[in-house]
Amino acid sequence: MATSTSKVEVTPALYGMDVHSYITLTKTDEGLVPYGTFATLDEAMVWAKQLTNATIVPVYYPAYNRG
């Protein structure tokens, strides 16, 4: 896939939450498409740079609170 990204946005992790992995979201004519999971932010960034537009978001471990 050729590099064609217009921009990549990264959603910062919430304070106190343990990040399990990352996914990328990209908007297409059909809707919002998730790709992933990626073990690190760097791995997600490599993939996201290949997309027309992308947002990288963290995936959290299941938890009952942020405390």
C-alpha atoms as a PDB file:
ATOM      1  CA  MET A   1       0.000   0.000   0.000  1.00  0.00           C
ATOM      2  CA  ALA A   2       1.402   3.410  -0.924  1.00  0.00           C
ATOM      3  CA  THR A   3       1.857   6.132   1.645  1.00  0.00           C
ATOM      4  CA  SER A   4      -1.028   8.564   1.210  1.00  0.00           C
ATOM      5  CA  THR A   5      -1.939   9.894   4.614  1.00  0.00           C
ATOM      6  CA  SER A   6      -3.283  13.413   4.786  1.00  0.00           C
ATOM      7  CA  LYS A   7      -3.109  13.318   8.590  1.00  0.00           C
ATOM      8  CA  VAL A   8      -2.893  10.958  11.535  1.00  0.00           C
ATOM      9  CA  GLU A   9      -4.482  11.890  14.853  1.00  0.00           C
ATOM     10  CA  VAL A  10      -3.550  10.121  18.082  1.00  0.00           C
ATOM     11  CA  THR A  11      -6.056   9.974  20.922  1.00  0.00           C
ATOM     12  CA  PRO A  12      -4.098  10.143  24.188  1.00  0.00           C
ATOM     13  CA  ALA A  13      -4.697   7.453  26.776  1.00  0.00           C
ATOM     14  CA  LEU A  14      -6.824   8.401  29.760  1.00  0.00           C
ATOM     15  CA  TYR A  15      -4.882   9.023  32.947  1.00  0.00           C
ATOM     16  CA  GLY A  16      -4.822   5.971  35.181  1.00  0.00           C
ATOM     17  CA  MET A  17      -5.962   3.516  32.495  1.00  0.00           C
ATOM     18  CA  ASP A  18      -3.778   0.575  31.453  1.00  0.00           C
ATOM     19  CA  VAL A  19      -3.449   0.377  27.663  1.00  0.00           C
ATOM     20  CA  HIS A  20      -3.701  -3.118  26.197  1.00  0.00           C
ATOM     21  CA  SER A  21      -3.100  -2.206  22.537  1.00  0.00           C
ATOM     22  CA  TYR A  22      -4.058   0.307  19.836  1.00  0.00           C
ATOM     23  CA  ILE A  23      -6.398   0.355  16.850  1.00  0.00           C
ATOM     24  CA  THR A  24      -6.687   2.697  13.907  1.00  0.00           C
ATOM     25  CA  LEU A  25      -9.959   4.150  12.672  1.00  0.00           C
ATOM     26  CA  THR A  26     -10.386   5.470   9.153  1.00  0.00           C
ATOM     27  CA  LYS A  27     -13.408   7.020   7.449  1.00  0.00           C
ATOM     28  CA  THR A  28     -14.494   5.527   4.134  1.00  0.00           C
ATOM     29  CA  ASP A  29     -17.552   5.985   1.940  1.00  0.00           C
ATOM     30  CA  GLU A  30     -19.039   2.935   3.700  1.00  0.00           C
ATOM     31  CA  GLY A  31     -18.428   4.295   7.223  1.00  0.00           C
ATOM     32  CA  LEU A  32     -15.834   4.125   9.982  1.00  0.00           C
ATOM     33  CA  VAL A  33     -13.435   1.181   9.609  1.00  0.00           C
ATOM     34  CA  PRO A  34     -11.299  -0.106  12.512  1.00  0.00           C
ATOM     35  CA  TYR A  35      -7.966  -1.849  11.894  1.00  0.00           C
ATOM     36  CA  GLY A  36      -5.887  -3.586  14.535  1.00  0.00           C
ATOM     37  CA  THR A  37      -4.998  -4.441  17.170  1.00  0.00           C
ATOM     38  CA  PHE A  38      -1.407  -3.227  17.309  1.00  0.00           C
ATOM     39  CA  ALA A  39       0.798  -3.979  20.307  1.00  0.00           C
ATOM     40  CA  THR A  40       2.468  -0.565  20.323  1.00  0.00           C
ATOM     41  CA  LEU A  41       1.696   2.976  19.266  1.00  0.00           C
ATOM     42  CA  ASP A  42       4.624   2.787  16.824  1.00  0.00           C
ATOM     43  CA  GLU A  43       3.130  -0.258  15.078  1.00  0.00           C
ATOM     44  CA  ALA A  44      -0.225   1.505  14.801  1.00  0.00           C
ATOM     45  CA  MET A  45       1.496   4.615  13.395  1.00  0.00           C
ATOM     46  CA  VAL A  46       3.225   2.593  10.653  1.00  0.00           C
ATOM     47  CA  TRP A  47      -0.149   1.230   9.542  1.00  0.00           C
ATOM     48  CA  ALA A  48      -1.988   4.555   9.910  1.00  0.00           C
ATOM     49  CA  LYS A  49       0.505   6.355   7.662  1.00  0.00           C
ATOM     50  CA  GLN A  50      -0.648   4.104   4.816  1.00  0.00           C
ATOM     51  CA  LEU A  51      -4.258   5.263   5.112  1.00  0.00           C
ATOM     52  CA  THR A  52      -5.931   8.327   3.595  1.00  0.00           C
ATOM     53  CA  ASN A  53      -6.956   9.510   7.055  1.00  0.00           C
ATOM     54  CA  ALA A  54      -6.601   7.822  10.402  1.00  0.00           C
ATOM     55  CA  THR A  55      -7.132   8.197  14.101  1.00  0.00           C
ATOM     56  CA  ILE A  56      -5.213   5.979  16.506  1.00  0.00           C
ATOM     57  CA  VAL A  57      -7.049   5.105  19.706  1.00  0.00           C
ATOM     58  CA  PRO A  58      -5.971   3.078  22.728  1.00  0.00           C
ATOM     59  CA  VAL A  59      -7.698  -0.144  23.731  1.00  0.00           C
ATOM     60  CA  TYR A  60      -7.833  -0.580  27.489  1.00  0.00           C
ATOM     61  CA  TYR A  61      -7.738  -3.643  29.706  1.00  0.00           C
ATOM     62  CA  PRO A  62     -11.171  -4.307  31.215  1.00  0.00           C
ATOM     63  CA  ALA A  63     -11.482  -2.558  34.568  1.00  0.00           C
ATOM     64  CA  TYR A  64     -14.208  -1.469  36.957  1.00  0.00           C
ATOM     65  CA  ASN A  65     -12.757   1.967  37.639  1.00  0.00           C
ATOM     66  CA  ARG A  66      -9.911   4.315  36.797  1.00  0.00           C
ATOM     67  CA  GLY A  67      -8.790   4.395  40.416  1.00  0.00           C
END
